[in-house]
Amino acid sequence: MWNGKRYHSLDYYLKETFGEKLYKLSLDGGMTCPNRDGKISYGGCIFCSQEGSGDFAAKFSGDIDKQIEDAKSVISEKFSGRRYIAYFQSYTNTYAPLQYLKDLYYSVAEREDIAVLDIATRPDCLSDDVIELIADLSSRKPVWVELGLQTSDDETAALINRGYKTEIYHKAVEKLHDAGVVVIAHMIIGLPGEDISKMLSTAKHIADCGSDGIKLQLLHILEGTKLAVMYRNGSAKALSEDEYIRILCEIIARLPPEMVIHRLTGDGDKRKLIAPLWSGDKKRILNRINHELKLRNIVQGCYLSR
């Protein structure tokens, strides 16, 4: 077990790797997404808000140092540590001219208060030049790249308007590993039309291609998204709390024990959240997950008994 937990948590990994707790600063790099501006499609994925999954990020101002300081002030009551993870969360954070990316990321990497660069992007937005940049950044400071896979099923991917085939994800992981970069996969539990077998298949794909970490996300239905329209017309539904926790436990049992679980549920902006409303009490949900893992005698990577 990992400090008494039945899964390999991010907190455990950070303390083992960096010797201290680090807190994420959610940032906006001032980019958009090829799934929004017409290069691939318009409107983004069906679940994505206008903020491009960056609802909690400090807003782009053109001054990244100021944005970091603003983000630090927001969390100052929660965290009093010395170093942070600079998490570029909003939209696709490699979707910009190379010089723009260099100016942005090198300036952040030089800051002593930033321990890790964490870049969220799409696997189809990683040109050879961008990979070379990320590799150089990783020689200066640890770099994580978060890839929005969501599902390994290409039919579901088409339904949610993801805009690329799953094989592109596998190739991106290989390139990033060759560059010495940590790769974190995003997976959504409860996508329209997916049963538990498809969700378990996605978890297996993520593990089989060697992803270093995983973010497990409950499907949130947010106002202003295409998914909200589907929910209201009955073509999409929200998981119940019991369904979600049961599926999550099945996934955890099948993940390799060395894989770091960066997230177990996620937050939906309560101002926009339509469903599931039970997800708003995150602390209670996490307690229930830990209780269910213990009750079912599950440790990440195995069932201790069936």
C-alpha atoms as a PDB file:
ATOM      1  CA  MET A   1       0.000   0.000   0.000  1.00  0.00           C
ATOM      2  CA  TRP A   2       0.983   3.632  -0.512  1.00  0.00           C
ATOM      3  CA  ASN A   3       0.987   5.425   2.859  1.00  0.00           C
ATOM      4  CA  GLY A   4      -2.065   3.439   3.844  1.00  0.00           C
ATOM      5  CA  LYS A   5      -3.932   4.131   0.608  1.00  0.00           C
ATOM      6  CA  ARG A   6      -4.969   1.345  -1.700  1.00  0.00           C
ATOM      7  CA  TYR A   7      -3.833   3.172  -4.816  1.00  0.00           C
ATOM      8  CA  HIS A   8      -0.692   4.967  -5.980  1.00  0.00           C
ATOM      9  CA  SER A   9      -1.785   8.529  -5.315  1.00  0.00           C
ATOM     10  CA  LEU A  10      -0.264  11.727  -6.647  1.00  0.00           C
ATOM     11  CA  ASP A  11       0.402  12.932  -3.083  1.00  0.00           C
ATOM     12  CA  TYR A  12       2.469   9.822  -2.390  1.00  0.00           C
ATOM     13  CA  TYR A  13       4.376  10.173  -5.669  1.00  0.00           C
ATOM     14  CA  LEU A  14       5.197  13.833  -5.042  1.00  0.00           C
ATOM     15  CA  LYS A  15       6.522  13.244  -1.552  1.00  0.00           C
ATOM     16  CA  GLU A  16       8.583  10.257  -2.710  1.00  0.00           C
ATOM     17  CA  THR A  17       9.946  12.062  -5.785  1.00  0.00           C
ATOM     18  CA  PHE A  18      10.350  15.660  -4.582  1.00  0.00           C
ATOM     19  CA  GLY A  19      10.455  15.186  -0.827  1.00  0.00           C
ATOM     20  CA  GLU A  20       7.559  17.575  -0.260  1.00  0.00           C
ATOM     21  CA  LYS A  21       3.992  18.330  -1.177  1.00  0.00           C
ATOM     22  CA  LEU A  22       3.570  20.430  -4.313  1.00  0.00           C
ATOM     23  CA  TYR A  23       0.411  22.310  -5.259  1.00  0.00           C
ATOM     24  CA  LYS A  24      -0.819  22.864  -8.794  1.00  0.00           C
ATOM     25  CA  LEU A  25      -1.222  26.336 -10.213  1.00  0.00           C
ATOM     26  CA  SER A  26      -3.852  26.116 -12.964  1.00  0.00           C
ATOM     27  CA  LEU A  27      -2.770  28.401 -15.803  1.00  0.00           C
ATOM     28  CA  ASP A  28      -3.985  29.592 -19.182  1.00  0.00           C
ATOM     29  CA  GLY A  29      -1.295  29.798 -21.858  1.00  0.00           C
ATOM     30  CA  GLY A  30      -3.412  31.918 -24.179  1.00  0.00           C
ATOM     31  CA  MET A  31      -3.985  29.203 -26.797  1.00  0.00           C
ATOM     32  CA  THR A  32      -7.037  27.632 -28.399  1.00  0.00           C
ATOM     33  CA  CYS A  33      -7.665  24.175 -29.872  1.00  0.00           C
ATOM     34  CA  PRO A  34      -7.726  22.776 -33.429  1.00  0.00           C
ATOM     35  CA  ASN A  35     -11.036  21.218 -32.472  1.00  0.00           C
ATOM     36  CA  ARG A  36     -12.461  24.720 -31.965  1.00  0.00           C
ATOM     37  CA  ASP A  37     -10.907  26.987 -34.567  1.00  0.00           C
ATOM     38  CA  GLY A  38     -11.828  24.884 -37.611  1.00  0.00           C
ATOM     39  CA  LYS A  39      -8.508  23.144 -38.303  1.00  0.00           C
ATOM     40  CA  ILE A  40     -10.156  19.875 -37.246  1.00  0.00           C
ATOM     41  CA  SER A  41     -13.633  20.946 -36.176  1.00  0.00           C
ATOM     42  CA  TYR A  42     -15.609  23.656 -34.422  1.00  0.00           C
ATOM     43  CA  GLY A  43     -17.037  23.788 -30.927  1.00  0.00           C
ATOM     44  CA  GLY A  44     -14.642  21.348 -29.236  1.00  0.00           C
ATOM     45  CA  CYS A  45     -15.499  18.022 -27.636  1.00  0.00           C
ATOM     46  CA  ILE A  46     -19.144  17.686 -26.631  1.00  0.00           C
ATOM     47  CA  PHE A  47     -18.359  17.870 -22.891  1.00  0.00           C
ATOM     48  CA  CYS A  48     -15.954  20.800 -23.066  1.00  0.00           C
ATOM     49  CA  SER A  49     -16.963  24.218 -21.705  1.00  0.00           C
ATOM     50  CA  GLN A  50     -16.072  27.511 -23.347  1.00  0.00           C
ATOM     51  CA  GLU A  51     -13.000  27.668 -21.088  1.00  0.00           C
ATOM     52  CA  GLY A  52     -11.565  24.537 -22.697  1.00  0.00           C
ATOM     53  CA  SER A  53     -11.491  22.510 -19.462  1.00  0.00           C
ATOM     54  CA  GLY A  54      -9.784  25.423 -17.772  1.00  0.00           C
ATOM     55  CA  ASP A  55     -12.694  26.679 -15.683  1.00  0.00           C
ATOM     56  CA  PHE A  56     -10.463  26.976 -12.608  1.00  0.00           C
ATOM     57  CA  ALA A  57      -7.368  28.346 -14.340  1.00  0.00           C
ATOM     58  CA  ALA A  58      -5.991  31.827 -13.703  1.00  0.00           C
ATOM     59  CA  LYS A  59      -7.018  33.788 -16.767  1.00  0.00           C
ATOM     60  CA  PHE A  60      -4.620  34.645 -19.561  1.00  0.00           C
ATOM     61  CA  SER A  61      -3.271  38.184 -19.348  1.00  0.00           C
ATOM     62  CA  GLY A  62      -0.165  38.042 -21.536  1.00  0.00           C
ATOM     63  CA  ASP A  63       2.040  38.221 -18.424  1.00  0.00           C
ATOM     64  CA  ILE A  64       2.743  34.679 -17.260  1.00  0.00           C
ATOM     65  CA  ASP A  65       4.636  35.772 -14.145  1.00  0.00           C
ATOM     66  CA  LYS A  66       1.653  37.825 -12.988  1.00  0.00           C
ATOM     67  CA  GLN A  67      -0.679  34.946 -13.778  1.00  0.00           C
ATOM     68  CA  ILE A  68       1.449  32.620 -11.623  1.00  0.00           C
ATOM     69  CA  GLU A  69       1.435  35.087  -8.736  1.00  0.00           C
ATOM     70  CA  ASP A  70      -2.340  35.494  -9.055  1.00  0.00           C
ATOM     71  CA  ALA A  71      -2.775  31.708  -9.026  1.00  0.00           C
ATOM     72  CA  LYS A  72      -0.562  31.442  -5.942  1.00  0.00           C
ATOM     73  CA  SER A  73      -2.638  34.026  -4.105  1.00  0.00           C
ATOM     74  CA  VAL A  74      -5.841  32.093  -4.839  1.00  0.00           C
ATOM     75  CA  ILE A  75      -4.530  28.973  -3.091  1.00  0.00           C
ATOM     76  CA  SER A  76      -2.546  30.732  -0.367  1.00  0.00           C
ATOM     77  CA  GLU A  77      -5.011  29.711   2.350  1.00  0.00           C
ATOM     78  CA  LYS A  78      -4.747  26.039   1.339  1.00  0.00           C
ATOM     79  CA  PHE A  79      -1.009  25.781   0.722  1.00  0.00           C
ATOM     80  CA  SER A  80       2.021  27.400   2.305  1.00  0.00           C
ATOM     81  CA  GLY A  81       4.784  25.461   0.564  1.00  0.00           C
ATOM     82  CA  ARG A  82       7.715  26.813  -1.412  1.00  0.00           C
ATOM     83  CA  ARG A  83       7.337  25.117  -4.784  1.00  0.00           C
ATOM     84  CA  TYR A  84       4.548  24.504  -7.250  1.00  0.00           C
ATOM     85  CA  ILE A  85       3.487  22.637 -10.365  1.00  0.00           C
ATOM     86  CA  ALA A  86       2.823  25.023 -13.254  1.00  0.00           C
ATOM     87  CA  TYR A  87      -0.191  23.345 -14.840  1.00  0.00           C
ATOM     88  CA  PHE A  88      -1.107  24.709 -18.262  1.00  0.00           C
ATOM     89  CA  GLN A  89      -4.666  23.477 -18.268  1.00  0.00           C
ATOM     90  CA  SER A  90      -6.833  25.491 -20.638  1.00  0.00           C
ATOM     91  CA  TYR A  91      -7.316  24.308 -24.222  1.00  0.00           C
ATOM     92  CA  THR A  92      -4.364  22.779 -26.162  1.00  0.00           C
ATOM     93  CA  ASN A  93      -1.056  23.983 -24.782  1.00  0.00           C
ATOM     94  CA  THR A  94       1.189  23.039 -27.694  1.00  0.00           C
ATOM     95  CA  TYR A  95      -1.096  24.613 -30.307  1.00  0.00           C
ATOM     96  CA  ALA A  96       0.876  27.767 -31.045  1.00  0.00           C
ATOM     97  CA  PRO A  97       3.941  28.863 -33.045  1.00  0.00           C
ATOM     98  CA  LEU A  98       7.140  27.303 -31.764  1.00  0.00           C
ATOM     99  CA  GLN A  99       8.692  30.615 -30.722  1.00  0.00           C
ATOM    100  CA  TYR A 100       5.613  31.471 -28.674  1.00  0.00           C
ATOM    101  CA  LEU A 101       5.904  28.131 -26.872  1.00  0.00           C
ATOM    102  CA  LYS A 102       9.620  28.672 -26.239  1.00  0.00           C
ATOM    103  CA  ASP A 103       9.090  32.146 -24.805  1.00  0.00           C
ATOM    104  CA  LEU A 104       6.299  30.899 -22.558  1.00  0.00           C
ATOM    105  CA  TYR A 105       7.758  27.662 -21.239  1.00  0.00           C
ATOM    106  CA  TYR A 106      11.398  28.652 -20.852  1.00  0.00           C
ATOM    107  CA  SER A 107      10.405  31.655 -18.754  1.00  0.00           C
ATOM    108  CA  VAL A 108       8.375  29.420 -16.433  1.00  0.00           C
ATOM    109  CA  ALA A 109      11.065  26.722 -16.271  1.00  0.00           C
ATOM    110  CA  GLU A 110      13.574  29.320 -15.046  1.00  0.00           C
ATOM    111  CA  ARG A 111      11.504  30.167 -11.954  1.00  0.00           C
ATOM    112  CA  GLU A 112      12.852  28.636  -8.735  1.00  0.00           C
ATOM    113  CA  ASP A 113       9.355  28.306  -7.268  1.00  0.00           C
ATOM    114  CA  ILE A 114       8.236  26.020 -10.116  1.00  0.00           C
ATOM    115  CA  ALA A 115       9.215  22.381  -9.567  1.00  0.00           C
ATOM    116  CA  VAL A 116       7.340  20.824 -12.498  1.00  0.00           C
ATOM    117  CA  LEU A 117       6.016  21.974 -15.865  1.00  0.00           C
ATOM    118  CA  ASP A 118       2.703  20.234 -16.538  1.00  0.00           C
ATOM    119  CA  ILE A 119       1.420  20.718 -20.087  1.00  0.00           C
ATOM    120  CA  ALA A 120      -2.050  19.571 -21.130  1.00  0.00           C
ATOM    121  CA  THR A 121      -2.422  19.037 -24.859  1.00  0.00           C
ATOM    122  CA  ARG A 122      -3.698  16.785 -27.624  1.00  0.00           C
ATOM    123  CA  PRO A 123      -1.623  13.885 -28.994  1.00  0.00           C
ATOM    124  CA  ASP A 124      -2.166  15.217 -32.528  1.00  0.00           C
ATOM    125  CA  CYS A 125      -0.538  18.551 -31.604  1.00  0.00           C
ATOM    126  CA  LEU A 126       2.966  17.253 -30.969  1.00  0.00           C
ATOM    127  CA  SER A 127       5.120  17.969 -34.000  1.00  0.00           C
ATOM    128  CA  ASP A 128       8.768  16.930 -34.031  1.00  0.00           C
ATOM    129  CA  ASP A 129       9.778  20.540 -33.246  1.00  0.00           C
ATOM    130  CA  VAL A 130       7.460  20.600 -30.236  1.00  0.00           C
ATOM    131  CA  ILE A 131       8.758  17.247 -29.017  1.00  0.00           C
ATOM    132  CA  GLU A 132      12.318  18.598 -29.316  1.00  0.00           C
ATOM    133  CA  LEU A 133      11.321  21.650 -27.271  1.00  0.00           C
ATOM    134  CA  ILE A 134       9.700  19.504 -24.591  1.00  0.00           C
ATOM    135  CA  ALA A 135      12.777  17.261 -24.478  1.00  0.00           C
ATOM    136  CA  ASP A 136      15.014  20.285 -23.907  1.00  0.00           C
ATOM    137  CA  LEU A 137      12.685  21.609 -21.223  1.00  0.00           C
ATOM    138  CA  SER A 138      12.823  18.225 -19.487  1.00  0.00           C
ATOM    139  CA  SER A 139      16.613  18.477 -19.310  1.00  0.00           C
ATOM    140  CA  ARG A 140      16.161  21.650 -17.257  1.00  0.00           C
ATOM    141  CA  LYS A 141      13.140  20.754 -15.126  1.00  0.00           C
ATOM    142  CA  PRO A 142      10.741  17.794 -14.805  1.00  0.00           C
ATOM    143  CA  VAL A 143       8.030  17.960 -17.475  1.00  0.00           C
ATOM    144  CA  TRP A 144       4.693  16.164 -17.497  1.00  0.00           C
ATOM    145  CA  VAL A 145       2.521  16.048 -20.594  1.00  0.00           C
ATOM    146  CA  GLU A 146      -1.174  15.358 -20.106  1.00  0.00           C
ATOM    147  CA  LEU A 147      -2.984  13.899 -23.110  1.00  0.00           C
ATOM    148  CA  GLY A 148      -6.754  14.010 -23.501  1.00  0.00           C
ATOM    149  CA  LEU A 149      -7.479  10.453 -24.600  1.00  0.00           C
ATOM    150  CA  GLN A 150     -10.830  10.092 -22.762  1.00  0.00           C
ATOM    151  CA  THR A 151     -11.619   6.765 -24.494  1.00  0.00           C
ATOM    152  CA  SER A 152      -9.801   4.161 -26.574  1.00  0.00           C
ATOM    153  CA  ASP A 153     -12.961   3.379 -28.546  1.00  0.00           C
ATOM    154  CA  ASP A 154     -12.862   5.206 -31.881  1.00  0.00           C
ATOM    155  CA  GLU A 155     -16.652   5.074 -32.287  1.00  0.00           C
ATOM    156  CA  THR A 156     -17.095   6.861 -28.969  1.00  0.00           C
ATOM    157  CA  ALA A 157     -14.284   9.249 -29.946  1.00  0.00           C
ATOM    158  CA  ALA A 158     -16.231  10.201 -33.078  1.00  0.00           C
ATOM    159  CA  LEU A 159     -19.410  10.682 -31.032  1.00  0.00           C
ATOM    160  CA  ILE A 160     -17.713  13.055 -28.590  1.00  0.00           C
ATOM    161  CA  ASN A 161     -15.978  14.904 -31.473  1.00  0.00           C
ATOM    162  CA  ARG A 162     -12.476  14.131 -30.200  1.00  0.00           C
ATOM    163  CA  GLY A 163     -10.994  14.555 -33.662  1.00  0.00           C
ATOM    164  CA  TYR A 164      -8.244  11.922 -33.795  1.00  0.00           C
ATOM    165  CA  LYS A 165      -7.832   8.126 -33.854  1.00  0.00           C
ATOM    166  CA  THR A 166      -6.582   6.241 -30.801  1.00  0.00           C
ATOM    167  CA  GLU A 167      -3.440   5.109 -32.626  1.00  0.00           C
ATOM    168  CA  ILE A 168      -2.302   8.769 -32.591  1.00  0.00           C
ATOM    169  CA  TYR A 169      -2.297   8.626 -28.793  1.00  0.00           C
ATOM    170  CA  HIS A 170      -0.062   5.543 -28.784  1.00  0.00           C
ATOM    171  CA  LYS A 171       2.436   7.191 -31.152  1.00  0.00           C
ATOM    172  CA  ALA A 172       2.504  10.343 -29.026  1.00  0.00           C
ATOM    173  CA  VAL A 173       3.255   8.367 -25.850  1.00  0.00           C
ATOM    174  CA  GLU A 174       6.149   6.644 -27.595  1.00  0.00           C
ATOM    175  CA  LYS A 175       7.617   9.951 -28.803  1.00  0.00           C
ATOM    176  CA  LEU A 176       7.266  11.591 -25.395  1.00  0.00           C
ATOM    177  CA  HIS A 177       8.869   8.658 -23.610  1.00  0.00           C
ATOM    178  CA  ASP A 178      11.767   8.805 -26.077  1.00  0.00           C
ATOM    179  CA  ALA A 179      12.088  12.467 -25.048  1.00  0.00           C
ATOM    180  CA  GLY A 180      12.240  11.507 -21.352  1.00  0.00           C
ATOM    181  CA  VAL A 181       8.879  13.000 -20.470  1.00  0.00           C
ATOM    182  CA  VAL A 182       6.225  11.746 -18.032  1.00  0.00           C
ATOM    183  CA  VAL A 183       2.917  11.044 -19.787  1.00  0.00           C
ATOM    184  CA  ILE A 184      -0.452  11.309 -18.048  1.00  0.00           C
ATOM    185  CA  ALA A 185      -3.622  10.061 -19.743  1.00  0.00           C
ATOM    186  CA  HIS A 186      -7.043  11.606 -19.236  1.00  0.00           C
ATOM    187  CA  MET A 187      -9.908   9.101 -19.145  1.00  0.00           C
ATOM    188  CA  ILE A 188     -13.600   9.947 -18.753  1.00  0.00           C
ATOM    189  CA  ILE A 189     -15.889   7.456 -17.049  1.00  0.00           C
ATOM    190  CA  GLY A 190     -19.499   7.490 -18.249  1.00  0.00           C
ATOM    191  CA  LEU A 191     -19.231   8.693 -21.844  1.00  0.00           C
ATOM    192  CA  PRO A 192     -22.420   8.255 -23.918  1.00  0.00           C
ATOM    193  CA  GLY A 193     -22.894   4.719 -25.194  1.00  0.00           C
ATOM    194  CA  GLU A 194     -20.057   3.181 -23.190  1.00  0.00           C
ATOM    195  CA  ASP A 195     -20.647   0.219 -20.921  1.00  0.00           C
ATOM    196  CA  ILE A 196     -18.184  -1.011 -18.315  1.00  0.00           C
ATOM    197  CA  SER A 197     -16.408  -3.289 -20.802  1.00  0.00           C
ATOM    198  CA  LYS A 198     -15.489  -0.307 -22.993  1.00  0.00           C
ATOM    199  CA  MET A 199     -14.303   1.677 -19.981  1.00  0.00           C
ATOM    200  CA  LEU A 200     -12.140  -1.201 -18.781  1.00  0.00           C
ATOM    201  CA  SER A 201     -10.763  -1.530 -22.305  1.00  0.00           C
ATOM    202  CA  THR A 202      -9.710   2.142 -22.240  1.00  0.00           C
ATOM    203  CA  ALA A 203      -7.921   1.643 -18.917  1.00  0.00           C
ATOM    204  CA  LYS A 204      -6.140  -1.375 -20.405  1.00  0.00           C
ATOM    205  CA  HIS A 205      -5.061   0.614 -23.480  1.00  0.00           C
ATOM    206  CA  ILE A 206      -3.661   3.359 -21.262  1.00  0.00           C
ATOM    207  CA  ALA A 207      -1.694   0.823 -19.237  1.00  0.00           C
ATOM    208  CA  ASP A 208      -0.526  -1.251 -22.206  1.00  0.00           C
ATOM    209  CA  CYS A 209       1.048   1.695 -24.021  1.00  0.00           C
ATOM    210  CA  GLY A 210       3.063   2.587 -20.908  1.00  0.00           C
ATOM    211  CA  SER A 211       1.374   5.775 -19.719  1.00  0.00           C
ATOM    212  CA  ASP A 212       3.019   6.874 -16.472  1.00  0.00           C
ATOM    213  CA  GLY A 213      -0.080   8.338 -14.884  1.00  0.00           C
ATOM    214  CA  ILE A 214      -3.815   8.558 -15.289  1.00  0.00           C
ATOM    215  CA  LYS A 215      -6.509  11.093 -14.490  1.00  0.00           C
ATOM    216  CA  LEU A 216      -9.863   9.426 -13.965  1.00  0.00           C
ATOM    217  CA  GLN A 217     -12.719  11.823 -14.559  1.00  0.00           C
ATOM    218  CA  LEU A 218     -16.421  11.485 -13.948  1.00  0.00           C
ATOM    219  CA  LEU A 219     -18.414  12.747 -16.935  1.00  0.00           C
ATOM    220  CA  HIS A 220     -19.805  16.129 -15.935  1.00  0.00           C
ATOM    221  CA  ILE A 221     -22.652  17.660 -17.885  1.00  0.00           C
ATOM    222  CA  LEU A 222     -22.103  21.407 -18.013  1.00  0.00           C
ATOM    223  CA  GLU A 223     -24.394  24.175 -19.184  1.00  0.00           C
ATOM    224  CA  GLY A 224     -23.525  25.539 -22.603  1.00  0.00           C
ATOM    225  CA  THR A 225     -22.061  22.282 -23.987  1.00  0.00           C
ATOM    226  CA  LYS A 226     -23.325  19.949 -26.711  1.00  0.00           C
ATOM    227  CA  LEU A 227     -23.489  17.262 -24.042  1.00  0.00           C
ATOM    228  CA  ALA A 228     -26.043  19.325 -22.146  1.00  0.00           C
ATOM    229  CA  VAL A 229     -28.309  19.237 -25.210  1.00  0.00           C
ATOM    230  CA  MET A 230     -27.883  15.458 -25.455  1.00  0.00           C
ATOM    231  CA  TYR A 231     -28.665  15.051 -21.764  1.00  0.00           C
ATOM    232  CA  ARG A 232     -31.864  17.034 -22.071  1.00  0.00           C
ATOM    233  CA  ASN A 233     -33.054  15.099 -25.112  1.00  0.00           C
ATOM    234  CA  GLY A 234     -32.264  11.775 -23.458  1.00  0.00           C
ATOM    235  CA  SER A 235     -29.363  10.654 -25.670  1.00  0.00           C
ATOM    236  CA  ALA A 236     -26.857  10.975 -22.799  1.00  0.00           C
ATOM    237  CA  LYS A 237     -27.170  10.236 -19.112  1.00  0.00           C
ATOM    238  CA  ALA A 238     -25.262  10.875 -15.919  1.00  0.00           C
ATOM    239  CA  LEU A 239     -23.921   8.022 -13.820  1.00  0.00           C
ATOM    240  CA  SER A 240     -25.253   7.505 -10.331  1.00  0.00           C
ATOM    241  CA  GLU A 241     -22.833   7.708  -7.440  1.00  0.00           C
ATOM    242  CA  ASP A 242     -22.986   3.949  -6.893  1.00  0.00           C
ATOM    243  CA  GLU A 243     -22.374   3.238 -10.596  1.00  0.00           C
ATOM    244  CA  TYR A 244     -19.379   5.526 -10.732  1.00  0.00           C
ATOM    245  CA  ILE A 245     -17.710   4.139  -7.628  1.00  0.00           C
ATOM    246  CA  ARG A 246     -18.286   0.536  -8.744  1.00  0.00           C
ATOM    247  CA  ILE A 247     -16.732   1.191 -12.175  1.00  0.00           C
ATOM    248  CA  LEU A 248     -13.863   3.177 -10.664  1.00  0.00           C
ATOM    249  CA  CYS A 249     -12.975   0.332  -8.292  1.00  0.00           C
ATOM    250  CA  GLU A 250     -12.941  -2.132 -11.204  1.00  0.00           C
ATOM    251  CA  ILE A 251     -10.545   0.148 -13.093  1.00  0.00           C
ATOM    252  CA  ILE A 252      -8.204   0.653 -10.118  1.00  0.00           C
ATOM    253  CA  ALA A 253      -7.972  -3.107  -9.633  1.00  0.00           C
ATOM    254  CA  ARG A 254      -6.647  -3.417 -13.191  1.00  0.00           C
ATOM    255  CA  LEU A 255      -4.149  -0.547 -13.306  1.00  0.00           C
ATOM    256  CA  PRO A 256      -0.443  -1.369 -12.911  1.00  0.00           C
ATOM    257  CA  PRO A 257       0.701  -0.587  -9.356  1.00  0.00           C
ATOM    258  CA  GLU A 258       3.493   1.676 -10.639  1.00  0.00           C
ATOM    259  CA  MET A 259       1.034   3.937 -12.483  1.00  0.00           C
ATOM    260  CA  VAL A 260       0.317   7.158 -10.577  1.00  0.00           C
ATOM    261  CA  ILE A 261      -3.361   8.018 -10.194  1.00  0.00           C
ATOM    262  CA  HIS A 262      -3.491  11.808 -10.422  1.00  0.00           C
ATOM    263  CA  ARG A 263      -7.239  12.088  -9.967  1.00  0.00           C
ATOM    264  CA  LEU A 264     -10.156   9.873  -8.914  1.00  0.00           C
ATOM    265  CA  THR A 265     -13.150  12.014  -9.803  1.00  0.00           C
ATOM    266  CA  GLY A 266     -12.571  15.673 -10.723  1.00  0.00           C
ATOM    267  CA  ASP A 267     -14.533  18.859 -10.246  1.00  0.00           C
ATOM    268  CA  GLY A 268     -17.270  20.380 -12.352  1.00  0.00           C
ATOM    269  CA  ASP A 269     -17.838  24.135 -12.155  1.00  0.00           C
ATOM    270  CA  LYS A 270     -20.838  24.301  -9.805  1.00  0.00           C
ATOM    271  CA  ARG A 271     -22.094  27.419 -11.582  1.00  0.00           C
ATOM    272  CA  LYS A 272     -22.503  25.362 -14.768  1.00  0.00           C
ATOM    273  CA  LEU A 273     -23.049  21.841 -13.447  1.00  0.00           C
ATOM    274  CA  ILE A 274     -26.297  20.228 -14.597  1.00  0.00           C
ATOM    275  CA  ALA A 275     -25.514  16.649 -13.580  1.00  0.00           C
ATOM    276  CA  PRO A 276     -24.555  14.627 -11.657  1.00  0.00           C
ATOM    277  CA  LEU A 277     -25.213  16.922  -8.718  1.00  0.00           C
ATOM    278  CA  TRP A 278     -23.945  14.354  -6.214  1.00  0.00           C
ATOM    279  CA  SER A 279     -20.410  15.008  -7.521  1.00  0.00           C
ATOM    280  CA  GLY A 280     -20.332  18.407  -5.821  1.00  0.00           C
ATOM    281  CA  ASP A 281     -19.369  16.928  -2.436  1.00  0.00           C
ATOM    282  CA  LYS A 282     -15.895  15.785  -3.463  1.00  0.00           C
ATOM    283  CA  LYS A 283     -14.566  15.029   0.023  1.00  0.00           C
ATOM    284  CA  ARG A 284     -17.475  12.695   0.758  1.00  0.00           C
ATOM    285  CA  ILE A 285     -17.058  10.934  -2.596  1.00  0.00           C
ATOM    286  CA  LEU A 286     -13.345  10.346  -2.018  1.00  0.00           C
ATOM    287  CA  ASN A 287     -14.114   8.914   1.417  1.00  0.00           C
ATOM    288  CA  ARG A 288     -16.681   6.590  -0.150  1.00  0.00           C
ATOM    289  CA  ILE A 289     -14.185   5.443  -2.781  1.00  0.00           C
ATOM    290  CA  ASN A 290     -11.578   4.621  -0.140  1.00  0.00           C
ATOM    291  CA  HIS A 291     -14.201   2.800   1.926  1.00  0.00           C
ATOM    292  CA  GLU A 292     -15.374   0.770  -1.086  1.00  0.00           C
ATOM    293  CA  LEU A 293     -11.814  -0.227  -2.021  1.00  0.00           C
ATOM    294  CA  LYS A 294     -11.310  -1.501   1.518  1.00  0.00           C
ATOM    295  CA  LEU A 295     -14.709  -3.222   1.619  1.00  0.00           C
ATOM    296  CA  ARG A 296     -14.024  -5.028  -1.661  1.00  0.00           C
ATOM    297  CA  ASN A 297     -10.424  -5.781  -0.653  1.00  0.00           C
ATOM    298  CA  ILE A 298      -9.008  -4.068  -3.726  1.00  0.00           C
ATOM    299  CA  VAL A 299      -5.487  -2.709  -4.039  1.00  0.00           C
ATOM    300  CA  GLN A 300      -4.344  -1.052  -7.251  1.00  0.00           C
ATOM    301  CA  GLY A 301      -3.248  -3.782  -9.623  1.00  0.00           C
ATOM    302  CA  CYS A 302      -5.104  -6.642  -7.970  1.00  0.00           C
ATOM    303  CA  TYR A 303      -8.033  -7.965  -6.050  1.00  0.00           C
ATOM    304  CA  LEU A 304      -6.741  -9.392  -2.784  1.00  0.00           C
ATOM    305  CA  SER A 305      -9.745 -11.694  -2.774  1.00  0.00           C
ATOM    306  CA  ARG A 306     -12.810 -12.144  -4.932  1.00  0.00           C
END
